[in-house]
N, C-alpha and C. Protein backbone atom coordinates (compact mmCIF):
# COMPACT_ATOMS: atom_id res chain seq x y z
N MET A 1 1.06 -1.49 -0.13
CA MET A 1 0.31 0.05 0.43
C MET A 1 1.25 1.19 0.05
N ASN A 2 2.31 0.82 -0.07
CA ASN A 2 3.01 2.28 0.02
C ASN A 2 3.00 3.07 -1.69
N GLN A 3 2.63 2.44 -2.73
CA GLN A 3 2.14 2.73 -4.07
C GLN A 3 1.14 3.53 -3.93
N PRO A 4 1.30 4.67 -4.85
CA PRO A 4 0.51 5.97 -5.39
C PRO A 4 -0.95 5.13 -6.18
N TYR A 5 -0.50 4.38 -6.39
CA TYR A 5 -1.69 3.60 -7.55
C TYR A 5 -2.11 2.32 -7.19
N HIS A 6 -3.30 1.73 -7.12
CA HIS A 6 -3.93 0.67 -6.82
C HIS A 6 -4.57 -0.03 -8.24
N PRO A 7 -4.32 -0.85 -8.79
CA PRO A 7 -4.81 -1.11 -9.84
C PRO A 7 -5.94 -1.76 -9.65
N PHE A 8 -5.91 -2.48 -8.77
CA PHE A 8 -7.34 -3.50 -8.24
C PHE A 8 -8.55 -3.01 -7.43
N ARG A 9 -8.09 -1.67 -7.27
CA ARG A 9 -9.58 -1.05 -6.50
C ARG A 9 -11.00 -1.02 -6.64
N ASN A 10 -11.01 -0.70 -8.06
CA ASN A 10 -12.37 -0.49 -8.44
C ASN A 10 -12.87 -2.03 -9.45
N GLN A 11 -12.67 -3.15 -9.23
CA GLN A 11 -13.09 -4.33 -10.14
C GLN A 11 -14.56 -4.62 -10.04
N ARG A 12 -15.36 -3.72 -8.97
CA ARG A 12 -16.58 -4.22 -9.22
C ARG A 12 -17.52 -3.60 -10.60
N PRO A 13 -18.48 -4.73 -11.06
CA PRO A 13 -18.81 -4.22 -12.42
C PRO A 13 -20.05 -3.12 -12.18
N ARG A 14 -20.23 -2.17 -13.37
CA ARG A 14 -21.24 -1.13 -13.19
C ARG A 14 -22.34 -1.81 -13.62
N ARG A 15 -23.90 -1.34 -12.39
CA ARG A 15 -24.45 -1.74 -13.33
C ARG A 15 -25.52 -0.83 -14.36
N GLU A 16 -26.15 -1.57 -14.98
CA GLU A 16 -27.19 -0.86 -16.01
C GLU A 16 -27.91 0.22 -15.63
N PRO A 17 -28.07 1.12 -15.58
CA PRO A 17 -28.76 2.33 -15.46
C PRO A 17 -30.34 1.50 -15.64
N ARG A 18 -31.47 2.09 -15.24
CA ARG A 18 -32.91 1.14 -15.41
C ARG A 18 -33.08 2.40 -15.59
N ASN A 19 -34.41 1.99 -16.61
CA ASN A 19 -34.87 2.98 -17.29
C ASN A 19 -36.36 3.51 -16.48
N ARG A 20 -36.24 5.01 -16.58
CA ARG A 20 -37.57 5.47 -15.40
C ARG A 20 -38.78 5.33 -16.20
N GLN A 21 -38.69 5.53 -17.25
CA GLN A 21 -40.11 5.46 -17.89
C GLN A 21 -41.09 3.98 -17.10
N GLU A 22 -40.45 2.89 -17.30
CA GLU A 22 -40.79 1.55 -16.76
C GLU A 22 -41.32 1.43 -15.22
N ASP A 23 -40.24 2.40 -14.41
CA ASP A 23 -40.74 2.54 -12.88
C ASP A 23 -41.71 3.12 -12.96
N LEU A 24 -41.96 4.47 -13.86
CA LEU A 24 -43.03 5.42 -13.72
C LEU A 24 -44.53 5.24 -14.84
N SER A 25 -44.35 3.83 -14.97
CA SER A 25 -46.00 3.14 -16.22
C SER A 25 -46.69 3.00 -15.18
N TYR A 26 -46.76 2.37 -13.85
CA TYR A 26 -47.45 2.07 -12.86
C TYR A 26 -48.13 3.47 -12.23
N PHE A 27 -47.50 4.43 -11.98
CA PHE A 27 -47.97 5.75 -11.69
C PHE A 27 -48.68 6.44 -12.76
N GLN A 28 -48.42 6.39 -13.62
CA GLN A 28 -49.07 7.23 -14.80
C GLN A 28 -50.72 6.80 -14.84
N ARG A 29 -50.50 5.32 -14.97
CA ARG A 29 -51.71 3.97 -15.12
C ARG A 29 -52.76 4.94 -14.26
N ALA A 30 -51.93 4.82 -12.87
CA ALA A 30 -53.17 4.61 -11.67
C ALA A 30 -53.46 6.41 -11.61
N PHE A 31 -52.70 7.51 -12.10
CA PHE A 31 -53.55 8.49 -12.16
C PHE A 31 -54.32 9.28 -13.39
N THR A 32 -54.09 7.95 -14.42
CA THR A 32 -55.20 8.37 -15.40
C THR A 32 -56.35 7.90 -15.16
N CYS A 33 -56.45 6.53 -14.32
CA CYS A 33 -57.52 6.27 -13.77
C CYS A 33 -58.54 7.01 -12.65
N LEU A 34 -57.38 7.65 -11.92
CA LEU A 34 -57.75 8.27 -11.00
C LEU A 34 -58.57 10.08 -11.59
N LYS A 35 -57.90 10.34 -12.91
CA LYS A 35 -58.52 11.69 -13.76
C LYS A 35 -59.75 10.63 -14.16
N GLU A 36 -60.21 9.92 -14.26
CA GLU A 36 -61.43 9.38 -15.35
C GLU A 36 -62.64 9.42 -14.01
N ASN A 37 -62.10 8.75 -13.15
CA ASN A 37 -62.84 8.35 -11.96
C ASN A 37 -62.24 9.09 -10.45
N PRO A 38 -62.18 10.52 -10.53
CA PRO A 38 -62.18 11.24 -8.95
C PRO A 38 -62.89 10.64 -7.79
N GLU A 39 -63.88 9.81 -8.02
CA GLU A 39 -64.41 9.44 -6.65
C GLU A 39 -63.39 7.90 -6.12
N ARG A 40 -62.09 7.50 -6.84
CA ARG A 40 -61.62 6.50 -6.56
C ARG A 40 -60.59 7.11 -5.95
N VAL A 41 -60.53 8.05 -5.34
CA VAL A 41 -59.38 8.60 -4.51
C VAL A 41 -60.06 8.12 -2.42
N GLU A 42 -61.13 7.88 -2.58
CA GLU A 42 -61.40 7.20 -1.55
C GLU A 42 -61.34 6.05 -1.27
N ARG A 43 -60.44 5.43 -2.40
CA ARG A 43 -60.04 4.12 -1.97
C ARG A 43 -57.86 4.32 -2.01
N VAL A 44 -57.47 5.99 -2.28
CA VAL A 44 -56.43 5.98 -1.94
C VAL A 44 -56.35 6.21 -0.07
N ARG A 45 -57.89 6.97 0.36
CA ARG A 45 -57.23 7.09 1.63
C ARG A 45 -57.26 5.94 2.30
N GLU A 46 -58.32 5.02 1.89
CA GLU A 46 -58.64 3.50 2.54
C GLU A 46 -57.42 2.73 2.82
N ASN A 47 -56.49 2.83 1.58
CA ASN A 47 -55.44 2.09 1.29
C ASN A 47 -53.61 2.84 2.32
N LEU A 48 -54.61 4.18 2.31
CA LEU A 48 -53.70 5.09 3.11
C LEU A 48 -53.74 4.87 4.86
N HIS A 49 -55.05 4.46 5.19
CA HIS A 49 -55.58 4.18 6.49
C HIS A 49 -54.90 2.41 6.71
N TYR A 50 -54.89 1.70 5.61
CA TYR A 50 -55.01 0.29 6.08
C TYR A 50 -53.36 0.16 6.18
N TYR A 51 -52.72 0.87 5.70
CA TYR A 51 -51.04 0.89 5.47
C TYR A 51 -50.65 1.88 6.72
N GLN A 52 -51.62 2.78 7.65
CA GLN A 52 -50.79 3.58 8.68
C GLN A 52 -51.12 2.32 9.68
N GLN A 53 -51.76 1.60 10.02
CA GLN A 53 -52.40 0.39 10.85
C GLN A 53 -50.91 -0.64 10.59
N GLN A 54 -50.31 -0.82 9.95
CA GLN A 54 -49.23 -2.12 9.78
C GLN A 54 -47.55 -1.48 10.61
N PRO A 55 -47.93 -2.59 11.50
CA PRO A 55 -46.71 -1.72 12.58
C PRO A 55 -45.26 -2.10 12.11
N HIS A 56 -45.52 -2.95 11.04
CA HIS A 56 -43.56 -3.43 10.72
C HIS A 56 -42.94 -2.46 9.36
N LEU A 57 -43.50 -1.45 9.03
CA LEU A 57 -43.38 -1.31 7.38
C LEU A 57 -41.73 -0.59 7.90
N PRO A 58 -40.77 -0.06 6.84
CA PRO A 58 -39.67 0.41 7.03
C PRO A 58 -39.88 2.15 6.87
N LYS A 59 -38.98 2.40 7.20
CA LYS A 59 -39.13 3.93 7.44
C LYS A 59 -39.65 4.83 6.29
N SER A 60 -38.93 4.23 4.97
CA SER A 60 -38.74 5.16 4.08
C SER A 60 -40.62 5.04 3.44
N ALA A 61 -41.24 3.46 4.07
CA ALA A 61 -42.57 3.68 3.67
C ALA A 61 -43.40 4.33 4.61
N GLN A 62 -43.19 4.35 5.70
CA GLN A 62 -44.12 5.55 6.77
C GLN A 62 -43.52 6.81 6.60
N ALA A 63 -42.43 7.27 5.38
CA ALA A 63 -42.63 8.46 5.58
C ALA A 63 -42.98 8.54 4.06
N ALA A 64 -43.61 7.69 3.30
CA ALA A 64 -44.35 8.33 2.22
C ALA A 64 -45.49 8.10 2.71
N ILE A 65 -46.30 6.97 3.58
CA ILE A 65 -47.56 7.28 4.16
C ILE A 65 -47.96 8.88 4.53
N LYS A 66 -46.99 9.26 5.50
CA LYS A 66 -47.24 10.69 6.13
C LYS A 66 -47.12 11.88 4.83
N ARG A 67 -46.31 11.71 3.78
CA ARG A 67 -46.23 12.44 2.74
C ARG A 67 -47.76 12.44 2.37
N PHE A 68 -48.23 11.20 1.80
CA PHE A 68 -50.04 10.84 0.84
C PHE A 68 -50.91 11.49 2.19
N GLU A 69 -50.41 11.58 3.36
CA GLU A 69 -51.64 11.80 3.94
C GLU A 69 -51.38 13.49 3.89
N TYR A 70 -50.56 13.97 4.01
CA TYR A 70 -50.03 15.54 3.66
C TYR A 70 -50.55 16.24 2.76
N LEU A 71 -50.46 15.55 1.48
CA LEU A 71 -50.78 15.74 0.48
C LEU A 71 -52.39 15.67 0.01
N LEU A 72 -53.04 14.19 0.81
CA LEU A 72 -54.38 14.41 0.73
C LEU A 72 -55.42 15.45 1.34
N SER A 73 -54.39 15.87 2.66
CA SER A 73 -55.27 16.98 3.18
C SER A 73 -55.11 18.09 2.49
N VAL A 74 -54.37 18.57 1.72
CA VAL A 74 -54.03 19.75 0.65
C VAL A 74 -55.00 19.61 -0.35
N THR A 75 -54.88 18.57 -0.96
CA THR A 75 -55.84 18.43 -2.34
C THR A 75 -56.37 17.39 -2.72
N GLU A 76 -57.47 17.05 -3.53
CA GLU A 76 -58.18 15.86 -3.31
C GLU A 76 -58.22 15.72 -5.48
N ASP A 77 -57.52 16.53 -5.99
CA ASP A 77 -57.84 16.57 -7.16
C ASP A 77 -56.51 16.05 -7.86
N PRO A 78 -56.96 14.82 -8.66
CA PRO A 78 -56.14 13.89 -9.27
C PRO A 78 -54.89 14.53 -10.00
N ALA A 79 -55.76 15.46 -10.52
CA ALA A 79 -54.33 15.83 -11.45
C ALA A 79 -52.89 16.89 -10.89
N GLU A 80 -53.66 17.56 -10.09
CA GLU A 80 -52.35 18.21 -9.33
C GLU A 80 -51.67 16.94 -7.64
N MET A 81 -52.46 15.99 -7.74
CA MET A 81 -51.74 14.77 -6.81
C MET A 81 -50.37 14.12 -8.06
N GLU A 82 -50.96 14.66 -9.40
CA GLU A 82 -50.16 13.82 -10.09
C GLU A 82 -48.82 14.78 -10.45
N LEU A 83 -48.90 15.88 -10.04
CA LEU A 83 -47.52 16.88 -10.29
C LEU A 83 -46.88 16.83 -9.36
N TRP A 84 -47.30 16.57 -8.25
CA TRP A 84 -46.53 16.09 -7.10
C TRP A 84 -45.85 15.05 -6.99
N VAL A 85 -46.53 13.73 -7.60
CA VAL A 85 -45.94 12.35 -7.36
C VAL A 85 -44.84 12.41 -8.57
N MET A 86 -45.05 12.83 -9.77
CA MET A 86 -44.18 12.45 -10.67
C MET A 86 -43.49 13.45 -10.76
N GLU A 87 -43.48 14.73 -9.90
CA GLU A 87 -42.34 15.20 -10.14
C GLU A 87 -40.56 14.91 -10.21
N ASP A 88 -39.86 15.14 -10.59
CA ASP A 88 -38.34 14.67 -10.91
C ASP A 88 -38.03 15.45 -9.62
N SER A 89 -38.03 15.13 -8.21
CA SER A 89 -37.39 16.01 -7.31
C SER A 89 -37.20 14.96 -6.50
N TYR A 90 -36.74 15.50 -5.13
CA TYR A 90 -36.53 14.78 -4.14
C TYR A 90 -38.35 14.23 -3.21
N GLU A 91 -38.63 15.28 -3.27
CA GLU A 91 -39.84 14.89 -2.33
C GLU A 91 -41.29 13.68 -3.77
N GLY A 92 -40.70 14.08 -5.13
CA GLY A 92 -41.53 12.80 -5.90
C GLY A 92 -41.08 11.29 -5.67
N ARG A 93 -39.75 11.57 -5.49
CA ARG A 93 -38.84 10.38 -5.46
C ARG A 93 -40.03 9.44 -3.72
N LYS A 94 -39.52 10.18 -3.00
CA LYS A 94 -40.20 10.04 -1.69
C LYS A 94 -41.71 9.64 -1.97
N PHE A 95 -42.55 9.91 -2.51
CA PHE A 95 -44.14 10.04 -2.67
C PHE A 95 -44.07 8.65 -3.60
N ARG A 96 -43.33 8.58 -4.41
CA ARG A 96 -43.05 6.77 -4.84
C ARG A 96 -42.72 5.40 -4.32
N GLN A 97 -42.26 6.01 -3.12
CA GLN A 97 -41.59 4.61 -2.26
C GLN A 97 -42.52 4.00 -1.95
N LEU A 98 -43.72 3.94 -1.99
CA LEU A 98 -44.72 3.14 -1.34
C LEU A 98 -45.96 3.34 -2.45
N PRO A 99 -45.36 2.54 -3.72
CA PRO A 99 -46.85 2.32 -4.83
C PRO A 99 -48.06 1.90 -4.08
N LEU A 100 -47.93 1.44 -3.16
CA LEU A 100 -49.46 0.37 -2.74
C LEU A 100 -50.31 1.33 -2.41
N LEU A 101 -50.13 2.55 -2.06
CA LEU A 101 -50.86 3.15 -1.87
C LEU A 101 -52.02 3.44 -2.88
N LEU A 102 -51.37 3.39 -4.08
CA LEU A 102 -52.19 3.65 -5.26
C LEU A 102 -53.31 2.24 -5.85
N LYS A 103 -53.43 1.60 -4.69
CA LYS A 103 -53.28 -0.03 -5.20
C LYS A 103 -55.09 -0.01 -5.54
N GLY A 104 -55.96 -0.64 -6.53
CA GLY A 104 -57.03 -0.64 -6.76
C GLY A 104 -57.94 0.63 -7.21
N CYS A 105 -56.80 1.35 -7.71
CA CYS A 105 -57.43 2.44 -8.59
C CYS A 105 -58.03 2.26 -9.94
N CYS A 106 -57.23 1.49 -10.17
CA CYS A 106 -57.49 0.51 -11.83
C CYS A 106 -58.27 -0.61 -11.89
N GLU A 107 -59.57 -0.33 -11.10
CA GLU A 107 -60.02 -1.83 -11.30
C GLU A 107 -61.37 -1.38 -12.52
């Protein structure tokens, strides 16, 4: 380790970057269904209440639940909700950490 150059230091293969559109297709479908049937926002509230009752959720899921709770207290307009969730920022990524909150919107 006395040498300034370490030739075997980074031999780990690099991962292929994930396609962002594939990740967001579920959210896009769910918000399209919510826009067509705004009364299904109540289903999102039911999912939110159900997952709040679960005792062993990871911290990231608990944070997503709390953010969705705040979002639903501010607005119930599916178009505005889509803007917040689909935003390519820190907040948007945190909203997207628990996609199960939108389960049942496209039935």
